[in-house]
């Protein structure tokens, strides 16, 4: 029974990873909203969405900073 539970958990993890590879944060937000409206407990998924959104914002900020030319390059 213990191995069966571990196997089921591993399958769920693989399925979640595959889903995440082909969907956007907006898709996840839509899913959370839909599940919540159906009365599902979405606390864990909402926290995941918040964490992923924060990572996305951080990456976007890093990218915009790295794309800005430095003052020495402008003075060129």
PDB file of N, CA and C in Angstrom:
ATOM      1  N   UNK A   1       0.820  -1.193   0.000  1.00  0.00           N
ATOM      2  CA  UNK A   1       0.000   0.000   0.000  1.00  0.00           C
ATOM      3  C   UNK A   1       0.868   1.264   0.000  1.00  0.00           C
ATOM      4  N   UNK A   2       1.956   1.217   0.767  1.00  0.00           N
ATOM      5  CA  UNK A   2       2.843   2.371   0.850  1.00  0.00           C
ATOM      6  C   UNK A   2       3.457   2.682  -0.516  1.00  0.00           C
ATOM      7  N   UNK A   3       3.871   1.652  -1.240  1.00  0.00           N
ATOM      8  CA  UNK A   3       4.474   1.841  -2.558  1.00  0.00           C
ATOM      9  C   UNK A   3       3.442   2.349  -3.557  1.00  0.00           C
ATOM     10  N   UNK A   4       2.214   1.873  -3.435  1.00  0.00           N
ATOM     11  CA  UNK A   4       1.153   2.313  -4.334  1.00  0.00           C
ATOM     12  C   UNK A   4       0.874   3.811  -4.128  1.00  0.00           C
ATOM     13  N   UNK A   5       0.862   4.253  -2.877  1.00  0.00           N
ATOM     14  CA  UNK A   5       0.639   5.669  -2.588  1.00  0.00           C
ATOM     15  C   UNK A   5       1.786   6.525  -3.138  1.00  0.00           C
ATOM     16  N   UNK A   6       3.009   6.043  -2.996  1.00  0.00           N
ATOM     17  CA  UNK A   6       4.168   6.766  -3.518  1.00  0.00           C
ATOM     18  C   UNK A   6       4.109   6.834  -5.038  1.00  0.00           C
ATOM     19  N   UNK A   7       3.693   5.759  -5.665  1.00  0.00           N
ATOM     20  CA  UNK A   7       3.578   5.727  -7.120  1.00  0.00           C
ATOM     21  C   UNK A   7       2.514   6.717  -7.585  1.00  0.00           C
ATOM     22  N   UNK A   8       1.362   6.729  -6.926  1.00  0.00           N
ATOM     23  CA  UNK A   8       0.293   7.661  -7.290  1.00  0.00           C
ATOM     24  C   UNK A   8       0.754   9.107  -7.139  1.00  0.00           C
ATOM     25  N   UNK A   9       1.492   9.390  -6.074  1.00  0.00           N
ATOM     26  CA  UNK A   9       2.009  10.739  -5.862  1.00  0.00           C
ATOM     27  C   UNK A   9       2.995  11.115  -6.961  1.00  0.00           C
ATOM     28  N   UNK A  10       3.841  10.181  -7.360  1.00  0.00           N
ATOM     29  CA  UNK A  10       4.809  10.440  -8.425  1.00  0.00           C
ATOM     30  C   UNK A  10       4.099  10.708  -9.746  1.00  0.00           C
ATOM     31  N   UNK A  11       3.054   9.952 -10.033  1.00  0.00           N
ATOM     32  CA  UNK A  11       2.287  10.159 -11.261  1.00  0.00           C
ATOM     33  C   UNK A  11       1.640  11.539 -11.241  1.00  0.00           C
ATOM     34  N   UNK A  12       1.077  11.932 -10.098  1.00  0.00           N
ATOM     35  CA  UNK A  12       0.469  13.264  -9.990  1.00  0.00           C
ATOM     36  C   UNK A  12       1.509  14.358 -10.207  1.00  0.00           C
ATOM     37  N   UNK A  13       2.713  14.157  -9.682  1.00  0.00           N
ATOM     38  CA  UNK A  13       3.781  15.144  -9.866  1.00  0.00           C
ATOM     39  C   UNK A  13       4.155  15.272 -11.344  1.00  0.00           C
ATOM     40  N   UNK A  14       4.283  14.150 -12.023  1.00  0.00           N
ATOM     41  CA  UNK A  14       4.620  14.164 -13.452  1.00  0.00           C
ATOM     42  C   UNK A  14       3.514  14.864 -14.230  1.00  0.00           C
ATOM     43  N   UNK A  15       2.267  14.559 -13.903  1.00  0.00           N
ATOM     44  CA  UNK A  15       1.146  15.191 -14.593  1.00  0.00           C
ATOM     45  C   UNK A  15       1.136  16.699 -14.344  1.00  0.00           C
ATOM     46  N   UNK A  16       1.431  17.117 -13.130  1.00  0.00           N
ATOM     47  CA  UNK A  16       1.462  18.545 -12.808  1.00  0.00           C
ATOM     48  C   UNK A  16       2.585  19.241 -13.572  1.00  0.00           C
ATOM     49  N   UNK A  17       3.733  18.601 -13.667  1.00  0.00           N
ATOM     50  CA  UNK A  17       4.858  19.184 -14.401  1.00  0.00           C
ATOM     51  C   UNK A  17       4.519  19.305 -15.880  1.00  0.00           C
ATOM     52  N   UNK A  18       3.930  18.262 -16.446  1.00  0.00           N
ATOM     53  CA  UNK A  18       3.543  18.312 -17.863  1.00  0.00           C
ATOM     54  C   UNK A  18       2.523  19.418 -18.111  1.00  0.00           C
ATOM     55  N   UNK A  19       1.568  19.579 -17.193  1.00  0.00           N
ATOM     56  CA  UNK A  19       0.562  20.623 -17.331  1.00  0.00           C
ATOM     57  C   UNK A  19       1.245  21.997 -17.290  1.00  0.00           C
ATOM     58  N   UNK A  20       2.155  22.170 -16.349  1.00  0.00           N
ATOM     59  CA  UNK A  20       2.831  23.462 -16.191  1.00  0.00           C
ATOM     60  C   UNK A  20       3.682  23.815 -17.407  1.00  0.00           C
ATOM     61  N   UNK A  21       4.220  22.812 -18.087  1.00  0.00           N
ATOM     62  CA  UNK A  21       5.042  23.069 -19.269  1.00  0.00           C
ATOM     63  C   UNK A  21       4.236  23.608 -20.439  1.00  0.00           C
ATOM     64  N   UNK A  22       2.933  23.370 -20.439  1.00  0.00           N
ATOM     65  CA  UNK A  22       2.121  23.745 -21.597  1.00  0.00           C
ATOM     66  C   UNK A  22       1.058  24.796 -21.278  1.00  0.00           C
ATOM     67  N   UNK A  23       1.119  25.391 -20.085  1.00  0.00           N
ATOM     68  CA  UNK A  23       0.127  26.381 -19.697  1.00  0.00           C
ATOM     69  C   UNK A  23       0.806  27.619 -19.102  1.00  0.00           C
ATOM     70  N   UNK A  24       0.050  28.690 -19.017  1.00  0.00           N
ATOM     71  CA  UNK A  24       0.565  29.952 -18.516  1.00  0.00           C
ATOM     72  C   UNK A  24       0.097  30.194 -17.085  1.00  0.00           C
ATOM     73  N   UNK A  25       0.648  31.240 -16.472  1.00  0.00           N
ATOM     74  CA  UNK A  25       0.180  31.636 -15.149  1.00  0.00           C
ATOM     75  C   UNK A  25      -1.295  32.030 -15.193  1.00  0.00           C
ATOM     76  N   UNK A  26      -1.722  32.620 -16.298  1.00  0.00           N
ATOM     77  CA  UNK A  26      -3.135  32.984 -16.441  1.00  0.00           C
ATOM     78  C   UNK A  26      -4.005  31.730 -16.446  1.00  0.00           C
ATOM     79  N   UNK A  27      -3.534  30.673 -17.095  1.00  0.00           N
ATOM     80  CA  UNK A  27      -4.273  29.402 -17.084  1.00  0.00           C
ATOM     81  C   UNK A  27      -4.423  28.886 -15.653  1.00  0.00           C
ATOM     82  N   UNK A  28      -3.342  28.978 -14.877  1.00  0.00           N
ATOM     83  CA  UNK A  28      -3.382  28.520 -13.490  1.00  0.00           C
ATOM     84  C   UNK A  28      -4.333  29.386 -12.671  1.00  0.00           C
ATOM     85  N   UNK A  29      -4.305  30.685 -12.909  1.00  0.00           N
ATOM     86  CA  UNK A  29      -5.215  31.580 -12.197  1.00  0.00           C
ATOM     87  C   UNK A  29      -6.670  31.261 -12.547  1.00  0.00           C
ATOM     88  N   UNK A  30      -6.931  31.009 -13.816  1.00  0.00           N
ATOM     89  CA  UNK A  30      -8.283  30.634 -14.235  1.00  0.00           C
ATOM     90  C   UNK A  30      -8.726  29.334 -13.568  1.00  0.00           C
ATOM     91  N   UNK A  31      -7.814  28.367 -13.487  1.00  0.00           N
ATOM     92  CA  UNK A  31      -8.113  27.091 -12.849  1.00  0.00           C
ATOM     93  C   UNK A  31      -8.428  27.292 -11.365  1.00  0.00           C
ATOM     94  N   UNK A  32      -7.627  28.108 -10.696  1.00  0.00           N
ATOM     95  CA  UNK A  32      -7.857  28.394  -9.276  1.00  0.00           C
ATOM     96  C   UNK A  32      -9.224  29.030  -9.082  1.00  0.00           C
ATOM     97  N   UNK A  33      -9.558  30.004  -9.928  1.00  0.00           N
ATOM     98  CA  UNK A  33     -10.851  30.671  -9.808  1.00  0.00           C
ATOM     99  C   UNK A  33     -12.001  29.703 -10.046  1.00  0.00           C
ATOM    100  N   UNK A  34     -11.856  28.849 -11.042  1.00  0.00           N
ATOM    101  CA  UNK A  34     -12.907  27.874 -11.348  1.00  0.00           C
ATOM    102  C   UNK A  34     -13.088  26.885 -10.203  1.00  0.00           C
ATOM    103  N   UNK A  35     -11.969  26.358  -9.700  1.00  0.00           N
ATOM    104  CA  UNK A  35     -12.046  25.398  -8.604  1.00  0.00           C
ATOM    105  C   UNK A  35     -12.629  26.044  -7.353  1.00  0.00           C
ATOM    106  N   UNK A  36     -12.233  27.282  -7.081  1.00  0.00           N
ATOM    107  CA  UNK A  36     -12.746  27.996  -5.914  1.00  0.00           C
ATOM    108  C   UNK A  36     -14.253  28.208  -6.016  1.00  0.00           C
ATOM    109  N   UNK A  37     -14.724  28.562  -7.206  1.00  0.00           N
ATOM    110  CA  UNK A  37     -16.159  28.783  -7.388  1.00  0.00           C
ATOM    111  C   UNK A  37     -16.956  27.491  -7.229  1.00  0.00           C
ATOM    112  N   UNK A  38     -16.286  26.357  -7.392  1.00  0.00           N
ATOM    113  CA  UNK A  38     -16.928  25.053  -7.195  1.00  0.00           C
ATOM    114  C   UNK A  38     -16.835  24.584  -5.745  1.00  0.00           C
ATOM    115  N   UNK A  39     -16.245  25.422  -4.892  1.00  0.00           N
ATOM    116  CA  UNK A  39     -16.141  25.098  -3.477  1.00  0.00           C
ATOM    117  C   UNK A  39     -14.912  24.311  -3.084  1.00  0.00           C
ATOM    118  N   UNK A  40     -13.978  24.160  -4.011  1.00  0.00           N
ATOM    119  CA  UNK A  40     -12.738  23.421  -3.719  1.00  0.00           C
ATOM    120  C   UNK A  40     -11.817  24.268  -2.846  1.00  0.00           C
ATOM    121  N   UNK A  41     -11.010  23.602  -2.036  1.00  0.00           N
ATOM    122  CA  UNK A  41      -9.984  24.285  -1.258  1.00  0.00           C
ATOM    123  C   UNK A  41      -8.783  24.515  -2.173  1.00  0.00           C
ATOM    124  N   UNK A  42      -8.505  25.759  -2.484  1.00  0.00           N
ATOM    125  CA  UNK A  42      -7.429  26.097  -3.417  1.00  0.00           C
ATOM    126  C   UNK A  42      -6.276  26.816  -2.722  1.00  0.00           C
ATOM    127  N   UNK A  43      -6.197  26.670  -1.424  1.00  0.00           N
ATOM    128  CA  UNK A  43      -5.170  27.369  -0.649  1.00  0.00           C
ATOM    129  C   UNK A  43      -3.773  27.059  -1.163  1.00  0.00           C
ATOM    130  N   UNK A  44      -3.453  25.775  -1.331  1.00  0.00           N
ATOM    131  CA  UNK A  44      -2.109  25.389  -1.787  1.00  0.00           C
ATOM    132  C   UNK A  44      -1.833  25.882  -3.196  1.00  0.00           C
ATOM    133  N   UNK A  45      -2.820  25.746  -4.075  1.00  0.00           N
ATOM    134  CA  UNK A  45      -2.630  26.174  -5.462  1.00  0.00           C
ATOM    135  C   UNK A  45      -2.508  27.697  -5.528  1.00  0.00           C
ATOM    136  N   UNK A  46      -3.278  28.396  -4.704  1.00  0.00           N
ATOM    137  CA  UNK A  46      -3.195  29.861  -4.676  1.00  0.00           C
ATOM    138  C   UNK A  46      -1.810  30.313  -4.228  1.00  0.00           C
ATOM    139  N   UNK A  47      -1.255  29.624  -3.230  1.00  0.00           N
ATOM    140  CA  UNK A  47       0.093  29.966  -2.769  1.00  0.00           C
ATOM    141  C   UNK A  47       1.120  29.700  -3.858  1.00  0.00           C
ATOM    142  N   UNK A  48       0.956  28.572  -4.569  1.00  0.00           N
ATOM    143  CA  UNK A  48       1.839  28.265  -5.692  1.00  0.00           C
ATOM    144  C   UNK A  48       1.734  29.354  -6.754  1.00  0.00           C
ATOM    145  N   UNK A  49       0.522  29.770  -7.060  1.00  0.00           N
ATOM    146  CA  UNK A  49       0.312  30.828  -8.050  1.00  0.00           C
ATOM    147  C   UNK A  49       0.992  32.115  -7.606  1.00  0.00           C
ATOM    148  N   UNK A  50       0.850  32.464  -6.348  1.00  0.00           N
ATOM    149  CA  UNK A  50       1.512  33.673  -5.832  1.00  0.00           C
ATOM    150  C   UNK A  50       3.028  33.563  -5.935  1.00  0.00           C
ATOM    151  N   UNK A  51       3.556  32.402  -5.579  1.00  0.00           N
ATOM    152  CA  UNK A  51       5.011  32.197  -5.651  1.00  0.00           C
ATOM    153  C   UNK A  51       5.505  32.283  -7.098  1.00  0.00           C
ATOM    154  N   UNK A  52       4.799  31.621  -8.005  1.00  0.00           N
ATOM    155  CA  UNK A  52       5.201  31.656  -9.414  1.00  0.00           C
ATOM    156  C   UNK A  52       5.084  33.065 -10.001  1.00  0.00           C
ATOM    157  N   UNK A  53       4.049  33.792  -9.602  1.00  0.00           N
ATOM    158  CA  UNK A  53       3.882  35.168 -10.073  1.00  0.00           C
ATOM    159  C   UNK A  53       5.019  36.051  -9.576  1.00  0.00           C
ATOM    160  N   UNK A  54       5.427  35.843  -8.331  1.00  0.00           N
ATOM    161  CA  UNK A  54       6.542  36.615  -7.772  1.00  0.00           C
ATOM    162  C   UNK A  54       7.839  36.290  -8.515  1.00  0.00           C
ATOM    163  N   UNK A  55       8.073  35.031  -8.813  1.00  0.00           N
ATOM    164  CA  UNK A  55       9.258  34.633  -9.587  1.00  0.00           C
ATOM    165  C   UNK A  55       9.217  35.287 -10.958  1.00  0.00           C
ATOM    166  N   UNK A  56       8.050  35.273 -11.597  1.00  0.00           N
ATOM    167  CA  UNK A  56       7.902  35.880 -12.920  1.00  0.00           C
ATOM    168  C   UNK A  56       8.200  37.375 -12.872  1.00  0.00           C
ATOM    169  N   UNK A  57       7.651  38.064 -11.865  1.00  0.00           N
ATOM    170  CA  UNK A  57       7.922  39.508 -11.726  1.00  0.00           C
ATOM    171  C   UNK A  57       9.413  39.767 -11.514  1.00  0.00           C
ATOM    172  N   UNK A  58      10.037  38.938 -10.703  1.00  0.00           N
ATOM    173  CA  UNK A  58      11.461  39.089 -10.434  1.00  0.00           C
ATOM    174  C   UNK A  58      12.282  38.881 -11.704  1.00  0.00           C
ATOM    175  N   UNK A  59      11.933  37.858 -12.475  1.00  0.00           N
ATOM    176  CA  UNK A  59      12.655  37.599 -13.727  1.00  0.00           C
ATOM    177  C   UNK A  59      12.449  38.730 -14.723  1.00  0.00           C
ATOM    178  N   UNK A  60      11.229  39.262 -14.788  1.00  0.00           N
ATOM    179  CA  UNK A  60      10.946  40.372 -15.700  1.00  0.00           C
ATOM    180  C   UNK A  60      11.763  41.600 -15.301  1.00  0.00           C
ATOM    181  N   UNK A  61      11.856  41.866 -14.007  1.00  0.00           N
ATOM    182  CA  UNK A  61      12.643  43.004 -13.525  1.00  0.00           C
ATOM    183  C   UNK A  61      14.118  42.815 -13.852  1.00  0.00           C
ATOM    184  N   UNK A  62      14.623  41.606 -13.635  1.00  0.00           N
ATOM    185  CA  UNK A  62      16.025  41.309 -13.947  1.00  0.00           C
ATOM    186  C   UNK A  62      16.301  41.484 -15.436  1.00  0.00           C
ATOM    187  N   UNK A  63      15.367  41.037 -16.262  1.00  0.00           N
ATOM    188  CA  UNK A  63      15.562  41.149 -17.706  1.00  0.00           C
ATOM    189  C   UNK A  63      15.552  42.599 -18.150  1.00  0.00           C
ATOM    190  N   UNK A  64      14.667  43.413 -17.588  1.00  0.00           N
ATOM    191  CA  UNK A  64      14.604  44.810 -18.014  1.00  0.00           C
ATOM    192  C   UNK A  64      15.843  45.557 -17.573  1.00  0.00           C
ATOM    193  N   UNK A  65      16.374  45.227 -16.408  1.00  0.00           N
ATOM    194  CA  UNK A  65      17.605  45.871 -15.940  1.00  0.00           C
ATOM    195  C   UNK A  65      18.776  45.465 -16.824  1.00  0.00           C
ATOM    196  N   UNK A  66      18.855  44.193 -17.191  1.00  0.00           N
ATOM    197  CA  UNK A  66      19.984  43.740 -17.994  1.00  0.00           C
ATOM    198  C   UNK A  66      19.890  44.238 -19.433  1.00  0.00           C
ATOM    199  N   UNK A  67      18.711  44.602 -19.884  1.00  0.00           N
ATOM    200  CA  UNK A  67      18.567  45.097 -21.243  1.00  0.00           C
ATOM    201  C   UNK A  67      18.838  46.602 -21.353  1.00  0.00           C
ATOM    202  N   UNK A  68      18.808  47.302 -20.226  1.00  0.00           N
ATOM    203  CA  UNK A  68      19.075  48.734 -20.258  1.00  0.00           C
ATOM    204  C   UNK A  68      20.560  48.965 -20.499  1.00  0.00           C
ATOM    205  N   UNK A  69      20.886  49.857 -21.439  1.00  0.00           N
ATOM    206  CA  UNK A  69      22.300  50.131 -21.687  1.00  0.00           C
ATOM    207  C   UNK A  69      22.903  50.880 -20.501  1.00  0.00           C
ATOM    208  N   UNK A  70      24.146  50.556 -20.204  1.00  0.00           N
ATOM    209  CA  UNK A  70      24.823  51.245 -19.116  1.00  0.00           C
ATOM    210  C   UNK A  70      25.234  52.634 -19.565  1.00  0.00           C
ATOM    211  N   UNK A  71      25.439  53.536 -18.613  1.00  0.00           N
ATOM    212  CA  UNK A  71      25.771  54.922 -18.922  1.00  0.00           C
ATOM    213  C   UNK A  71      27.047  54.996 -19.766  1.00  0.00           C
ATOM    214  N   UNK A  72      28.017  54.129 -19.497  1.00  0.00           N
ATOM    215  CA  UNK A  72      29.265  54.158 -20.275  1.00  0.00           C
ATOM    216  C   UNK A  72      29.025  53.760 -21.720  1.00  0.00           C
ATOM    217  N   UNK A  73      28.056  52.888 -21.970  1.00  0.00           N
ATOM    218  CA  UNK A  73      27.752  52.477 -23.337  1.00  0.00           C
ATOM    219  C   UNK A  73      27.055  53.601 -24.089  1.00  0.00           C
ATOM    220  N   UNK A  74      26.244  54.377 -23.386  1.00  0.00           N
ATOM    221  CA  UNK A  74      25.511  55.475 -24.007  1.00  0.00           C
ATOM    222  C   UNK A  74      26.466  56.617 -24.367  1.00  0.00           C
ATOM    223  N   UNK A  75      27.398  56.905 -23.451  1.00  0.00           N
ATOM    224  CA  UNK A  75      28.341  58.007 -23.667  1.00  0.00           C
ATOM    225  C   UNK A  75      29.279  57.712 -24.832  1.00  0.00           C
ATOM    226  N   UNK A  76      29.539  56.414 -25.053  1.00  0.00           N
ATOM    227  CA  UNK A  76      30.375  55.867 -26.095  1.00  0.00           C
ATOM    228  C   UNK A  76      31.052  56.752 -26.960  1.00  0.00           C
TER     229      UNK A  76
END
